[in-house]
Every structure is written in structure tokens, then in C-alpha cells.
Amino acid sequence: MEMEIKLKMPATYLFDQIMESVLYDIHTQTGRKLKRNQLEDFEFTKTSQKRKQLR
């Protein structure tokens, strides 16, 4: 499936928001407070509210 959405914001802002969300999710699920430079080779599975597994 492919989806295209035009957003009125810089790509760097969107990327920063996604990264903050990822770091928050990792912290709430594992208790580990990581920084961006610690994410390489880090993997976790998240289940969405609709119970679909995200990876």
C-alpha cells in the first residue's frame, strides 16, 4: 500500500517528532531512557490500539 500526504512543515521537524515518539515508546515499554545515537540495532515490537503488530 502506498500513501502520499503533503504536510506544511519541514521534514526535519517531522523526523524530530517521530524520533521523540520512538524514544518515548521505548522508555514506557522497557524503562530504558535511550538517546538517538543508541538506537542503532535496537528493536522492539509495538502493538497499536487496533491490536495490529507494528515493527
Protein backbone atom coordinates (compact mmCIF):
# COMPACT_ATOMS: atom_id res chain seq x y z
CA MET A 1 0.00 0.00 0.00
CA GLU A 2 1.27 3.44 -0.82
CA MET A 3 0.02 6.69 0.64
CA GLU A 4 1.01 10.27 -0.09
CA ILE A 5 0.32 13.16 2.25
CA LYS A 6 1.56 16.73 1.85
CA LEU A 7 2.42 18.37 5.16
CA LYS A 8 3.13 22.03 5.75
CA MET A 9 6.21 21.55 7.90
CA PRO A 10 9.90 20.94 7.33
CA ALA A 11 10.98 17.31 7.01
CA THR A 12 13.43 17.80 9.89
CA TYR A 13 10.58 18.81 12.21
CA LEU A 14 8.55 15.72 11.27
CA PHE A 15 11.59 13.49 11.74
CA ASP A 16 12.27 15.02 15.18
CA GLN A 17 8.67 14.37 16.24
CA ILE A 18 8.83 10.74 15.10
CA MET A 19 12.12 10.22 16.92
CA GLU A 20 10.74 11.68 20.15
CA SER A 21 7.74 9.35 19.87
CA VAL A 22 10.01 6.34 19.32
CA LEU A 23 12.19 7.24 22.31
CA TYR A 24 9.10 7.75 24.50
CA ASP A 25 7.63 4.39 23.43
CA ILE A 26 10.88 2.59 24.19
CA HIS A 27 11.08 4.25 27.60
CA THR A 28 7.49 3.40 28.57
CA GLN A 29 7.78 -0.21 27.40
CA THR A 30 11.28 -1.06 28.63
CA GLY A 31 12.09 1.52 31.29
CA ARG A 32 15.27 2.34 29.37
CA LYS A 33 15.91 6.01 28.61
CA LEU A 34 17.83 5.99 25.36
CA LYS A 35 19.24 8.73 23.16
CA ARG A 36 19.03 8.82 19.38
CA ASN A 37 22.60 7.65 18.96
CA GLN A 38 21.76 4.49 20.94
CA LEU A 39 19.02 3.30 18.58
CA GLU A 40 21.21 1.51 16.06
CA ASP A 41 20.49 -2.24 16.22
CA PHE A 42 17.76 -1.60 18.80
CA GLU A 43 14.49 -3.36 18.03
CA PHE A 44 11.14 -3.60 19.74
CA THR A 45 7.62 -4.56 18.73
CA LYS A 46 4.68 -2.29 19.35
CA THR A 47 1.01 -3.20 19.23
CA SER A 48 -1.30 -0.44 18.06
CA GLN A 49 -4.64 0.35 19.66
CA LYS A 50 -6.32 -1.71 16.95
CA ARG A 51 -4.14 -4.66 18.01
CA LYS A 52 -2.08 -4.76 14.83
CA GLN A 53 1.55 -5.55 15.43
CA LEU A 54 3.93 -2.81 14.30
CA ARG A 55 7.61 -3.27 13.77
